[in-house]
Amino acid sequence: MAKYIIKRILLMFLILFAVTTICFMLIRILPRELPTDRNLQAVITARWEALGYNEPLLVQYGIYLKNILTKWDFGTSWYIAFRRPAWDVLAERLLPTILVNFYSFAVSVPLGLAFGIYAAVRKNKWQDQLISTATMVFVSVPSYVYGFLVQYFLYFRLDLFPLTVSSLADAGNSWFSWTMFRSMIPPVIALSFTQVAGLCRFTRAELTETLTSDYMLLARAKGLTRMQAAVRHALRNAMVPVLPMIISTFISILSGSMIIERIFAIPGVGQLYIKSINLLDYDVFMADTVFYTFVSLLAGIAVDISYGLIDPRIRMGKKK
């Protein structure tokens, strides 16, 4: 198991290097736009020259990697936050993204598991058919559609929540105030619909198969109800494929929140990513790319390790 984890970590860094290289080359071949102010042009041009931006691409990439490995320097933002380190620009946007995704994750997982378990226990009954039909509908609709629907009903029609996430100034300069939390409820709801439906469908499918196993008949013969047998015995075996689904759910929320952040004006990493592309802020774009790629690869390793933690019989990478 240890050898497998080490191998996966090394492979993770290799993939991260490959993705970083491709994105760096593609973004650097795009033309750079200078501001109209001549004094500002001179300052930026001199700074680019000092940073080696006018060197050949391979030389630029070597300088870029050297700065990251030796100084943790991901470059400089020239358009989003003038002359601020790109990593600092990214770091200050992490908290709102993490909060929205954590709230959505905390809502999606319990509801998805609960509906999935209930549908599996009530298999072929009207409750199962109702949940399965609703699941198919919710899975088919992207999260940004729910964003517009949530805004329409909860803001325009019912006036229960604000249209967009509150600014720090309005929330008392705290991301953990009640005003800020209340304003985050609509994007959390918009992100949760698809994830709840997907997790519910997957849990139902795995649990339904487990409930038909022989040891479940023995548990029922001992006097356990169908729900008790499902929760105490079947759910543990069904969680072997379900837990990786939960981890991937968090990653899909993280990537899907880019559009939701735009709709609800959340000053997070997703909106920063889109803004860096529109403004051709190369170093901020690269910092964002490295962040998303690293999180995705790390989640893949966590998924593989989780198999062995849930079921001790599974040993990844072990030869027969």
C-alpha atoms as a PDB file:
ATOM      1  CA  MET A   1       0.000   0.000   0.000  1.00  0.00           C
ATOM      2  CA  ALA A   2       2.835   2.401   0.880  1.00  0.00           C
ATOM      3  CA  LYS A   3       4.573   1.680  -2.421  1.00  0.00           C
ATOM      4  CA  TYR A   4       1.328   2.325  -4.268  1.00  0.00           C
ATOM      5  CA  ILE A   5       0.806   5.677  -2.516  1.00  0.00           C
ATOM      6  CA  ILE A   6       4.372   6.777  -3.266  1.00  0.00           C
ATOM      7  CA  LYS A   7       3.941   5.740  -6.893  1.00  0.00           C
ATOM      8  CA  ARG A   8       0.685   7.686  -7.158  1.00  0.00           C
ATOM      9  CA  ILE A   9       2.223  10.799  -5.588  1.00  0.00           C
ATOM     10  CA  LEU A  10       5.127  10.711  -8.044  1.00  0.00           C
ATOM     11  CA  LEU A  11       2.687  10.214 -10.909  1.00  0.00           C
ATOM     12  CA  MET A  12       0.606  13.118  -9.574  1.00  0.00           C
ATOM     13  CA  PHE A  13       3.563  15.492  -9.743  1.00  0.00           C
ATOM     14  CA  LEU A  14       4.413  14.227 -13.228  1.00  0.00           C
ATOM     15  CA  ILE A  15       0.880  14.961 -14.455  1.00  0.00           C
ATOM     16  CA  LEU A  16       0.924  18.325 -12.675  1.00  0.00           C
ATOM     17  CA  PHE A  17       4.170  19.165 -14.462  1.00  0.00           C
ATOM     18  CA  ALA A  18       2.723  18.138 -17.829  1.00  0.00           C
ATOM     19  CA  VAL A  19      -0.472  20.175 -17.370  1.00  0.00           C
ATOM     20  CA  THR A  20       1.491  23.181 -16.122  1.00  0.00           C
ATOM     21  CA  THR A  21       3.844  22.987 -19.099  1.00  0.00           C
ATOM     22  CA  ILE A  22       1.054  22.790 -21.675  1.00  0.00           C
ATOM     23  CA  CYS A  23      -0.940  25.633 -20.111  1.00  0.00           C
ATOM     24  CA  PHE A  24       2.153  27.811 -19.739  1.00  0.00           C
ATOM     25  CA  MET A  25       3.122  27.395 -23.386  1.00  0.00           C
ATOM     26  CA  LEU A  26      -0.410  28.023 -24.643  1.00  0.00           C
ATOM     27  CA  ILE A  27      -1.043  31.108 -22.533  1.00  0.00           C
ATOM     28  CA  ARG A  28       2.373  32.689 -23.224  1.00  0.00           C
ATOM     29  CA  ILE A  29       1.981  32.549 -26.997  1.00  0.00           C
ATOM     30  CA  LEU A  30      -1.032  34.861 -26.725  1.00  0.00           C
ATOM     31  CA  PRO A  31      -0.236  38.533 -27.326  1.00  0.00           C
ATOM     32  CA  ARG A  32       0.195  40.777 -24.291  1.00  0.00           C
ATOM     33  CA  GLU A  33      -1.826  43.966 -24.180  1.00  0.00           C
ATOM     34  CA  LEU A  34      -0.356  47.096 -22.608  1.00  0.00           C
ATOM     35  CA  PRO A  35      -2.411  49.907 -21.029  1.00  0.00           C
ATOM     36  CA  THR A  36      -2.839  53.151 -22.940  1.00  0.00           C
ATOM     37  CA  ASP A  37      -0.924  55.211 -20.367  1.00  0.00           C
ATOM     38  CA  ARG A  38       2.663  55.566 -21.643  1.00  0.00           C
ATOM     39  CA  ASN A  39       4.264  55.890 -18.221  1.00  0.00           C
ATOM     40  CA  LEU A  40       2.508  52.733 -17.106  1.00  0.00           C
ATOM     41  CA  GLN A  41       3.578  51.031 -20.317  1.00  0.00           C
ATOM     42  CA  ALA A  42       7.210  51.847 -19.574  1.00  0.00           C
ATOM     43  CA  VAL A  43       6.953  50.499 -16.034  1.00  0.00           C
ATOM     44  CA  ILE A  44       5.310  47.250 -17.130  1.00  0.00           C
ATOM     45  CA  THR A  45       7.696  46.748 -20.055  1.00  0.00           C
ATOM     46  CA  ALA A  46      10.733  47.239 -17.805  1.00  0.00           C
ATOM     47  CA  ARG A  47       9.315  44.800 -15.270  1.00  0.00           C
ATOM     48  CA  TRP A  48       8.606  42.205 -17.963  1.00  0.00           C
ATOM     49  CA  GLU A  49      12.159  42.545 -19.210  1.00  0.00           C
ATOM     50  CA  ALA A  50      13.531  42.038 -15.695  1.00  0.00           C
ATOM     51  CA  LEU A  51      11.381  38.937 -15.225  1.00  0.00           C
ATOM     52  CA  GLY A  52      12.528  37.432 -18.521  1.00  0.00           C
ATOM     53  CA  TYR A  53       9.162  37.686 -20.257  1.00  0.00           C
ATOM     54  CA  ASN A  54      10.880  38.575 -23.526  1.00  0.00           C
ATOM     55  CA  GLU A  55      13.090  35.485 -23.537  1.00  0.00           C
ATOM     56  CA  PRO A  56      12.287  32.333 -25.567  1.00  0.00           C
ATOM     57  CA  LEU A  57       9.428  30.235 -24.183  1.00  0.00           C
ATOM     58  CA  LEU A  58      11.634  27.475 -22.764  1.00  0.00           C
ATOM     59  CA  VAL A  59      13.785  30.037 -20.965  1.00  0.00           C
ATOM     60  CA  GLN A  60      10.662  31.737 -19.592  1.00  0.00           C
ATOM     61  CA  TYR A  61       9.361  28.393 -18.378  1.00  0.00           C
ATOM     62  CA  GLY A  62      12.657  27.588 -16.694  1.00  0.00           C
ATOM     63  CA  ILE A  63      12.568  30.939 -14.873  1.00  0.00           C
ATOM     64  CA  TYR A  64       8.940  30.329 -13.905  1.00  0.00           C
ATOM     65  CA  LEU A  65       9.638  26.888 -12.409  1.00  0.00           C
ATOM     66  CA  LYS A  66      12.777  28.134 -10.649  1.00  0.00           C
ATOM     67  CA  ASN A  67      10.846  30.964  -8.998  1.00  0.00           C
ATOM     68  CA  ILE A  68       8.123  28.561  -7.820  1.00  0.00           C
ATOM     69  CA  LEU A  69      10.524  25.964  -6.407  1.00  0.00           C
ATOM     70  CA  THR A  70      12.950  28.391  -4.759  1.00  0.00           C
ATOM     71  CA  LYS A  71      10.784  31.384  -3.799  1.00  0.00           C
ATOM     72  CA  TRP A  72       7.182  30.102  -4.040  1.00  0.00           C
ATOM     73  CA  ASP A  73       6.733  32.913  -6.569  1.00  0.00           C
ATOM     74  CA  PHE A  74       3.962  32.286  -9.102  1.00  0.00           C
ATOM     75  CA  GLY A  75       4.522  35.572 -10.883  1.00  0.00           C
ATOM     76  CA  THR A  76       2.836  38.937 -10.776  1.00  0.00           C
ATOM     77  CA  SER A  77      -0.660  40.159 -11.539  1.00  0.00           C
ATOM     78  CA  TRP A  78      -0.644  43.066 -13.994  1.00  0.00           C
ATOM     79  CA  TYR A  79      -4.346  43.668 -14.604  1.00  0.00           C
ATOM     80  CA  ILE A  80      -6.484  42.216 -11.806  1.00  0.00           C
ATOM     81  CA  ALA A  81      -4.336  43.544  -8.940  1.00  0.00           C
ATOM     82  CA  PHE A  82      -1.499  45.628 -10.357  1.00  0.00           C
ATOM     83  CA  ARG A  83       1.978  44.331  -9.371  1.00  0.00           C
ATOM     84  CA  ARG A  84       0.663  42.093  -6.612  1.00  0.00           C
ATOM     85  CA  PRO A  85       2.018  38.519  -6.386  1.00  0.00           C
ATOM     86  CA  ALA A  86      -0.268  36.144  -8.282  1.00  0.00           C
ATOM     87  CA  TRP A  87      -0.387  33.676  -5.380  1.00  0.00           C
ATOM     88  CA  ASP A  88      -1.525  36.402  -2.975  1.00  0.00           C
ATOM     89  CA  VAL A  89      -4.311  37.354  -5.384  1.00  0.00           C
ATOM     90  CA  LEU A  90      -5.379  33.687  -5.497  1.00  0.00           C
ATOM     91  CA  ALA A  91      -5.027  33.117  -1.742  1.00  0.00           C
ATOM     92  CA  GLU A  92      -7.336  35.979  -0.797  1.00  0.00           C
ATOM     93  CA  ARG A  93     -10.039  34.485  -3.050  1.00  0.00           C
ATOM     94  CA  LEU A  94      -9.806  30.981  -1.568  1.00  0.00           C
ATOM     95  CA  LEU A  95     -11.936  31.512   1.541  1.00  0.00           C
ATOM     96  CA  PRO A  96     -15.237  32.444  -0.174  1.00  0.00           C
ATOM     97  CA  THR A  97     -14.832  29.562  -2.637  1.00  0.00           C
ATOM     98  CA  ILE A  98     -14.067  27.084   0.153  1.00  0.00           C
ATOM     99  CA  LEU A  99     -17.003  28.319   2.248  1.00  0.00           C
ATOM    100  CA  VAL A 100     -19.577  28.062  -0.549  1.00  0.00           C
ATOM    101  CA  ASN A 101     -18.331  24.629  -1.567  1.00  0.00           C
ATOM    102  CA  PHE A 102     -18.140  23.377   2.016  1.00  0.00           C
ATOM    103  CA  TYR A 103     -21.701  24.498   2.763  1.00  0.00           C
ATOM    104  CA  SER A 104     -22.930  22.883  -0.447  1.00  0.00           C
ATOM    105  CA  PHE A 105     -20.988  19.701   0.309  1.00  0.00           C
ATOM    106  CA  ALA A 106     -22.394  19.590   3.861  1.00  0.00           C
ATOM    107  CA  VAL A 107     -25.920  19.831   2.451  1.00  0.00           C
ATOM    108  CA  SER A 108     -25.512  17.532  -0.553  1.00  0.00           C
ATOM    109  CA  VAL A 109     -23.926  14.483   1.090  1.00  0.00           C
ATOM    110  CA  PRO A 110     -26.461  13.832   3.904  1.00  0.00           C
ATOM    111  CA  LEU A 111     -29.454  14.505   1.640  1.00  0.00           C
ATOM    112  CA  GLY A 112     -28.058  12.421  -1.223  1.00  0.00           C
ATOM    113  CA  LEU A 113     -27.299   9.473   1.062  1.00  0.00           C
ATOM    114  CA  ALA A 114     -30.642   9.729   2.856  1.00  0.00           C
ATOM    115  CA  PHE A 115     -32.712   9.820  -0.337  1.00  0.00           C
ATOM    116  CA  GLY A 116     -30.602   7.040  -1.884  1.00  0.00           C
ATOM    117  CA  ILE A 117     -30.985   4.767   1.138  1.00  0.00           C
ATOM    118  CA  TYR A 118     -34.713   5.418   1.374  1.00  0.00           C
ATOM    119  CA  ALA A 119     -35.226   4.742  -2.352  1.00  0.00           C
ATOM    120  CA  ALA A 120     -33.255   1.485  -2.104  1.00  0.00           C
ATOM    121  CA  VAL A 121     -35.237   0.298   0.909  1.00  0.00           C
ATOM    122  CA  ARG A 122     -38.530   1.187  -0.810  1.00  0.00           C
ATOM    123  CA  LYS A 123     -37.460  -0.339  -4.114  1.00  0.00           C
ATOM    124  CA  ASN A 124     -40.196  -0.491  -6.782  1.00  0.00           C
ATOM    125  CA  LYS A 125     -42.636   1.324  -4.489  1.00  0.00           C
ATOM    126  CA  TRP A 126     -44.120   4.701  -5.374  1.00  0.00           C
ATOM    127  CA  GLN A 127     -41.574   6.447  -3.145  1.00  0.00           C
ATOM    128  CA  ASP A 128     -38.721   4.871  -5.107  1.00  0.00           C
ATOM    129  CA  GLN A 129     -40.317   5.793  -8.436  1.00  0.00           C
ATOM    130  CA  LEU A 130     -40.878   9.375  -7.307  1.00  0.00           C
ATOM    131  CA  ILE A 131     -37.287   9.795  -6.077  1.00  0.00           C
ATOM    132  CA  SER A 132     -35.847   8.117  -9.185  1.00  0.00           C
ATOM    133  CA  THR A 133     -37.862  10.355 -11.519  1.00  0.00           C
ATOM    134  CA  ALA A 134     -36.878  13.498  -9.636  1.00  0.00           C
ATOM    135  CA  THR A 135     -33.254  12.352  -9.647  1.00  0.00           C
ATOM    136  CA  MET A 136     -33.215  11.976 -13.435  1.00  0.00           C
ATOM    137  CA  VAL A 137     -34.676  15.462 -13.853  1.00  0.00           C
ATOM    138  CA  PHE A 138     -32.242  17.142 -11.441  1.00  0.00           C
ATOM    139  CA  VAL A 139     -29.178  15.350 -12.838  1.00  0.00           C
ATOM    140  CA  SER A 140     -30.009  16.478 -16.376  1.00  0.00           C
ATOM    141  CA  VAL A 141     -30.034  20.199 -15.556  1.00  0.00           C
ATOM    142  CA  PRO A 142     -26.706  22.070 -15.107  1.00  0.00           C
ATOM    143  CA  SER A 143     -26.067  24.003 -11.901  1.00  0.00           C
ATOM    144  CA  TYR A 144     -26.150  27.465 -13.516  1.00  0.00           C
ATOM    145  CA  VAL A 145     -29.797  26.909 -14.542  1.00  0.00           C
ATOM    146  CA  TYR A 146     -30.624  26.299 -10.908  1.00  0.00           C
ATOM    147  CA  GLY A 147     -28.746  29.503 -10.137  1.00  0.00           C
ATOM    148  CA  PHE A 148     -31.133  31.552 -12.279  1.00  0.00           C
ATOM    149  CA  LEU A 149     -34.171  29.692 -10.936  1.00  0.00           C
ATOM    150  CA  VAL A 150     -33.070  30.253  -7.338  1.00  0.00           C
ATOM    151  CA  GLN A 151     -32.576  33.954  -8.017  1.00  0.00           C
ATOM    152  CA  TYR A 152     -35.977  34.191  -9.662  1.00  0.00           C
ATOM    153  CA  PHE A 153     -37.977  32.451  -6.941  1.00  0.00           C
ATOM    154  CA  LEU A 154     -36.065  33.342  -3.781  1.00  0.00           C
ATOM    155  CA  TYR A 155     -35.283  36.936  -4.736  1.00  0.00           C
ATOM    156  CA  PHE A 156     -37.720  38.289  -7.345  1.00  0.00           C
ATOM    157  CA  ARG A 157     -40.810  36.338  -6.324  1.00  0.00           C
ATOM    158  CA  LEU A 158     -40.426  35.729  -2.582  1.00  0.00           C
ATOM    159  CA  ASP A 159     -37.778  38.307  -1.624  1.00  0.00           C
ATOM    160  CA  LEU A 160     -36.292  35.936   0.955  1.00  0.00           C
ATOM    161  CA  PHE A 161     -32.602  36.337   0.104  1.00  0.00           C
ATOM    162  CA  PRO A 162     -30.406  38.954  -1.602  1.00  0.00           C
ATOM    163  CA  LEU A 163     -29.730  38.645  -5.322  1.00  0.00           C
ATOM    164  CA  THR A 164     -25.967  38.242  -4.902  1.00  0.00           C
ATOM    165  CA  VAL A 165     -23.549  37.442  -2.099  1.00  0.00           C
ATOM    166  CA  SER A 166     -22.996  40.360   0.267  1.00  0.00           C
ATOM    167  CA  SER A 167     -19.749  42.296   0.138  1.00  0.00           C
ATOM    168  CA  LEU A 168     -17.348  42.194   3.062  1.00  0.00           C
ATOM    169  CA  ALA A 169     -18.186  45.790   3.930  1.00  0.00           C
ATOM    170  CA  ASP A 170     -21.900  44.973   4.205  1.00  0.00           C
ATOM    171  CA  ALA A 171     -21.146  41.849   6.258  1.00  0.00           C
ATOM    172  CA  GLY A 172     -19.000  43.612   8.859  1.00  0.00           C
ATOM    173  CA  ASN A 173     -15.714  42.544   7.189  1.00  0.00           C
ATOM    174  CA  SER A 174     -16.334  38.925   8.184  1.00  0.00           C
ATOM    175  CA  TRP A 175     -17.006  35.902   6.009  1.00  0.00           C
ATOM    176  CA  PHE A 176     -18.592  34.157   9.011  1.00  0.00           C
ATOM    177  CA  SER A 177     -21.241  36.731   9.880  1.00  0.00           C
ATOM    178  CA  TRP A 178     -24.965  35.947   9.675  1.00  0.00           C
ATOM    179  CA  THR A 179     -25.394  38.479   6.852  1.00  0.00           C
ATOM    180  CA  MET A 180     -22.734  36.743   4.772  1.00  0.00           C
ATOM    181  CA  PHE A 181     -24.059  33.259   5.569  1.00  0.00           C
ATOM    182  CA  ARG A 182     -27.609  34.260   4.643  1.00  0.00           C
ATOM    183  CA  SER A 183     -26.470  35.683   1.312  1.00  0.00           C
ATOM    184  CA  MET A 184     -24.595  32.435   0.540  1.00  0.00           C
ATOM    185  CA  ILE A 185     -27.678  30.240   0.936  1.00  0.00           C
ATOM    186  CA  PRO A 186     -28.952  30.762  -2.680  1.00  0.00           C
ATOM    187  CA  PRO A 187     -25.662  29.709  -4.374  1.00  0.00           C
ATOM    188  CA  VAL A 188     -25.389  26.767  -1.969  1.00  0.00           C
ATOM    189  CA  ILE A 189     -28.895  25.646  -2.961  1.00  0.00           C
ATOM    190  CA  ALA A 190     -28.072  26.069  -6.658  1.00  0.00           C
ATOM    191  CA  LEU A 191     -24.934  23.941  -6.311  1.00  0.00           C
ATOM    192  CA  SER A 192     -26.647  21.247  -4.245  1.00  0.00           C
ATOM    193  CA  PHE A 193     -29.446  20.158  -6.605  1.00  0.00           C
ATOM    194  CA  THR A 194     -27.303  18.255  -9.111  1.00  0.00           C
ATOM    195  CA  GLN A 195     -24.993  16.825  -6.460  1.00  0.00           C
ATOM    196  CA  VAL A 196     -27.830  15.525  -4.272  1.00  0.00           C
ATOM    197  CA  ALA A 197     -29.464  13.885  -7.287  1.00  0.00           C
ATOM    198  CA  GLY A 198     -26.235  12.286  -8.512  1.00  0.00           C
ATOM    199  CA  LEU A 199     -25.284  10.931  -5.108  1.00  0.00           C
ATOM    200  CA  CYS A 200     -28.832   9.692  -4.514  1.00  0.00           C
ATOM    201  CA  ARG A 201     -28.887   7.772  -7.798  1.00  0.00           C
ATOM    202  CA  PHE A 202     -25.483   6.205  -7.180  1.00  0.00           C
ATOM    203  CA  THR A 203     -26.271   5.257  -3.571  1.00  0.00           C
ATOM    204  CA  ARG A 204     -29.579   3.687  -4.566  1.00  0.00           C
ATOM    205  CA  ALA A 205     -27.959   1.613  -7.314  1.00  0.00           C
ATOM    206  CA  GLU A 206     -25.170   0.279  -5.081  1.00  0.00           C
ATOM    207  CA  LEU A 207     -27.379  -0.329  -2.045  1.00  0.00           C
ATOM    208  CA  THR A 208     -30.072  -2.075  -4.073  1.00  0.00           C
ATOM    209  CA  GLU A 209     -27.504  -4.579  -5.304  1.00  0.00           C
ATOM    210  CA  THR A 210     -26.122  -5.106  -1.800  1.00  0.00           C
ATOM    211  CA  LEU A 211     -29.580  -5.648  -0.287  1.00  0.00           C
ATOM    212  CA  THR A 212     -30.068  -8.726  -2.473  1.00  0.00           C
ATOM    213  CA  SER A 213     -26.950 -10.457  -1.089  1.00  0.00           C
ATOM    214  CA  ASP A 214     -27.174 -13.696   0.908  1.00  0.00           C
ATOM    215  CA  TYR A 215     -25.901 -12.209   4.162  1.00  0.00           C
ATOM    216  CA  MET A 216     -28.753  -9.688   4.050  1.00  0.00           C
ATOM    217  CA  LEU A 217     -31.242 -12.568   4.086  1.00  0.00           C
ATOM    218  CA  LEU A 218     -29.505 -13.862   7.211  1.00  0.00           C
ATOM    219  CA  ALA A 219     -29.738 -10.411   8.844  1.00  0.00           C
ATOM    220  CA  ARG A 220     -33.453 -10.247   8.058  1.00  0.00           C
ATOM    221  CA  ALA A 221     -33.911 -13.780   9.393  1.00  0.00           C
ATOM    222  CA  LYS A 222     -32.434 -12.646  12.722  1.00  0.00           C
ATOM    223  CA  GLY A 223     -35.270 -10.167  13.105  1.00  0.00           C
ATOM    224  CA  LEU A 224     -33.823  -6.934  11.715  1.00  0.00           C
ATOM    225  CA  THR A 225     -36.123  -4.711   9.717  1.00  0.00           C
ATOM    226  CA  ARG A 226     -35.191  -3.860   6.141  1.00  0.00           C
ATOM    227  CA  MET A 227     -34.071  -0.383   7.182  1.00  0.00           C
ATOM    228  CA  GLN A 228     -31.985  -1.689  10.111  1.00  0.00           C
ATOM    229  CA  ALA A 229     -30.296  -4.299   7.927  1.00  0.00           C
ATOM    230  CA  ALA A 230     -29.587  -1.692   5.268  1.00  0.00           C
ATOM    231  CA  VAL A 231     -28.028   0.808   7.676  1.00  0.00           C
ATOM    232  CA  ARG A 232     -26.094  -1.656   9.860  1.00  0.00           C
ATOM    233  CA  HIS A 233     -24.826  -4.121   7.267  1.00  0.00           C
ATOM    234  CA  ALA A 234     -25.506  -3.264   3.636  1.00  0.00           C
ATOM    235  CA  LEU A 235     -24.476   0.380   3.802  1.00  0.00           C
ATOM    236  CA  ARG A 236     -20.875  -0.394   4.791  1.00  0.00           C
ATOM    237  CA  ASN A 237     -20.304  -2.595   1.743  1.00  0.00           C
ATOM    238  CA  ALA A 238     -22.167  -0.180  -0.500  1.00  0.00           C
ATOM    239  CA  MET A 239     -19.951   2.674   0.735  1.00  0.00           C
ATOM    240  CA  VAL A 240     -16.886   1.142  -0.959  1.00  0.00           C
ATOM    241  CA  PRO A 241     -17.883   2.673  -4.323  1.00  0.00           C
ATOM    242  CA  VAL A 242     -20.043   5.434  -2.767  1.00  0.00           C
ATOM    243  CA  LEU A 243     -17.291   7.175  -0.746  1.00  0.00           C
ATOM    244  CA  PRO A 244     -15.145   7.853  -3.844  1.00  0.00           C
ATOM    245  CA  MET A 245     -18.320   9.266  -5.376  1.00  0.00           C
ATOM    246  CA  ILE A 246     -18.615  11.615  -2.385  1.00  0.00           C
ATOM    247  CA  ILE A 247     -15.027  12.801  -2.832  1.00  0.00           C
ATOM    248  CA  SER A 248     -15.539  13.335  -6.551  1.00  0.00           C
ATOM    249  CA  THR A 249     -18.741  15.213  -5.698  1.00  0.00           C
ATOM    250  CA  PHE A 250     -16.706  17.788  -3.810  1.00  0.00           C
ATOM    251  CA  ILE A 251     -14.341  18.204  -6.760  1.00  0.00           C
ATOM    252  CA  SER A 252     -17.208  18.568  -9.225  1.00  0.00           C
ATOM    253  CA  ILE A 253     -18.787  21.205  -6.969  1.00  0.00           C
ATOM    254  CA  LEU A 254     -15.460  23.031  -6.867  1.00  0.00           C
ATOM    255  CA  SER A 255     -15.198  23.098 -10.651  1.00  0.00           C
ATOM    256  CA  GLY A 256     -18.884  23.807 -11.231  1.00  0.00           C
ATOM    257  CA  SER A 257     -18.837  26.756  -8.842  1.00  0.00           C
ATOM    258  CA  MET A 258     -16.937  28.868 -11.386  1.00  0.00           C
ATOM    259  CA  ILE A 259     -20.172  29.776 -13.182  1.00  0.00           C
ATOM    260  CA  ILE A 260     -22.164  29.973  -9.948  1.00  0.00           C
ATOM    261  CA  GLU A 261     -19.606  32.414  -8.551  1.00  0.00           C
ATOM    262  CA  ARG A 262     -20.126  34.567 -11.627  1.00  0.00           C
ATOM    263  CA  ILE A 263     -23.927  34.488 -11.293  1.00  0.00           C
ATOM    264  CA  PHE A 264     -23.984  35.320  -7.577  1.00  0.00           C
ATOM    265  CA  ALA A 265     -20.982  37.704  -7.659  1.00  0.00           C
ATOM    266  CA  ILE A 266     -18.913  35.589  -5.280  1.00  0.00           C
ATOM    267  CA  PRO A 267     -15.333  36.952  -5.174  1.00  0.00           C
ATOM    268  CA  GLY A 268     -13.841  33.472  -5.274  1.00  0.00           C
ATOM    269  CA  VAL A 269     -11.294  31.448  -7.203  1.00  0.00           C
ATOM    270  CA  GLY A 270     -13.736  30.500  -9.969  1.00  0.00           C
ATOM    271  CA  GLN A 271     -14.597  34.090 -10.832  1.00  0.00           C
ATOM    272  CA  LEU A 272     -10.889  34.971 -10.625  1.00  0.00           C
ATOM    273  CA  TYR A 273     -10.147  32.207 -13.139  1.00  0.00           C
ATOM    274  CA  ILE A 274     -12.615  33.591 -15.668  1.00  0.00           C
ATOM    275  CA  LYS A 275     -11.401  37.138 -15.072  1.00  0.00           C
ATOM    276  CA  SER A 276      -7.755  36.153 -15.583  1.00  0.00           C
ATOM    277  CA  ILE A 277      -8.632  34.628 -18.969  1.00  0.00           C
ATOM    278  CA  ASN A 278     -10.638  37.660 -20.099  1.00  0.00           C
ATOM    279  CA  LEU A 279      -7.910  40.107 -19.071  1.00  0.00           C
ATOM    280  CA  LEU A 280      -5.016  37.858 -20.170  1.00  0.00           C
ATOM    281  CA  ASP A 281      -3.482  38.085 -16.697  1.00  0.00           C
ATOM    282  CA  TYR A 282      -1.119  35.198 -17.417  1.00  0.00           C
ATOM    283  CA  ASP A 283       0.441  34.560 -14.018  1.00  0.00           C
ATOM    284  CA  VAL A 284      -2.887  34.644 -12.180  1.00  0.00           C
ATOM    285  CA  PHE A 285      -4.282  32.217 -14.757  1.00  0.00           C
ATOM    286  CA  MET A 286      -1.333  29.861 -14.188  1.00  0.00           C
ATOM    287  CA  ALA A 287      -1.689  30.033 -10.397  1.00  0.00           C
ATOM    288  CA  ASP A 288      -5.385  29.177 -10.754  1.00  0.00           C
ATOM    289  CA  THR A 289      -4.602  26.330 -13.147  1.00  0.00           C
ATOM    290  CA  VAL A 290      -2.011  24.829 -10.811  1.00  0.00           C
ATOM    291  CA  PHE A 291      -4.483  25.085  -7.921  1.00  0.00           C
ATOM    292  CA  TYR A 292      -7.361  23.335  -9.715  1.00  0.00           C
ATOM    293  CA  THR A 293      -5.100  20.659 -11.192  1.00  0.00           C
ATOM    294  CA  PHE A 294      -3.427  19.924  -7.865  1.00  0.00           C
ATOM    295  CA  VAL A 295      -6.757  19.656  -6.025  1.00  0.00           C
ATOM    296  CA  SER A 296      -8.152  17.293  -8.669  1.00  0.00           C
ATOM    297  CA  LEU A 297      -5.072  15.035  -8.629  1.00  0.00           C
ATOM    298  CA  LEU A 298      -4.963  14.997  -4.839  1.00  0.00           C
ATOM    299  CA  ALA A 299      -8.623  13.984  -4.774  1.00  0.00           C
ATOM    300  CA  GLY A 300      -7.842  11.091  -7.116  1.00  0.00           C
ATOM    301  CA  ILE A 301      -5.238   9.775  -4.685  1.00  0.00           C
ATOM    302  CA  ALA A 302      -7.648  10.228  -1.768  1.00  0.00           C
ATOM    303  CA  VAL A 303     -10.290   8.228  -3.663  1.00  0.00           C
ATOM    304  CA  ASP A 304      -7.909   5.320  -4.252  1.00  0.00           C
ATOM    305  CA  ILE A 305      -6.691   5.258  -0.648  1.00  0.00           C
ATOM    306  CA  SER A 306     -10.271   5.394   0.649  1.00  0.00           C
ATOM    307  CA  TYR A 307     -11.010   1.984  -0.894  1.00  0.00           C
ATOM    308  CA  GLY A 308      -8.507   0.330   1.444  1.00  0.00           C
ATOM    309  CA  LEU A 309      -9.678   2.307   4.476  1.00  0.00           C
ATOM    310  CA  ILE A 310     -13.329   1.332   3.990  1.00  0.00           C
ATOM    311  CA  ASP A 311     -12.705  -2.298   3.111  1.00  0.00           C
ATOM    312  CA  PRO A 312      -9.505  -3.810   4.620  1.00  0.00           C
ATOM    313  CA  ARG A 313      -9.700  -6.619   2.068  1.00  0.00           C
ATOM    314  CA  ILE A 314      -8.730  -4.153  -0.667  1.00  0.00           C
ATOM    315  CA  ARG A 315      -5.024  -3.495  -1.011  1.00  0.00           C
ATOM    316  CA  MET A 316      -4.180  -1.191  -3.889  1.00  0.00           C
ATOM    317  CA  GLY A 317      -1.158  -2.145  -5.970  1.00  0.00           C
ATOM    318  CA  LYS A 318      -0.732  -5.541  -4.320  1.00  0.00           C
ATOM    319  CA  LYS A 319       0.370  -8.358  -6.603  1.00  0.00           C
ATOM    320  CA  LYS A 320      -1.603 -11.574  -6.579  1.00  0.00           C
END
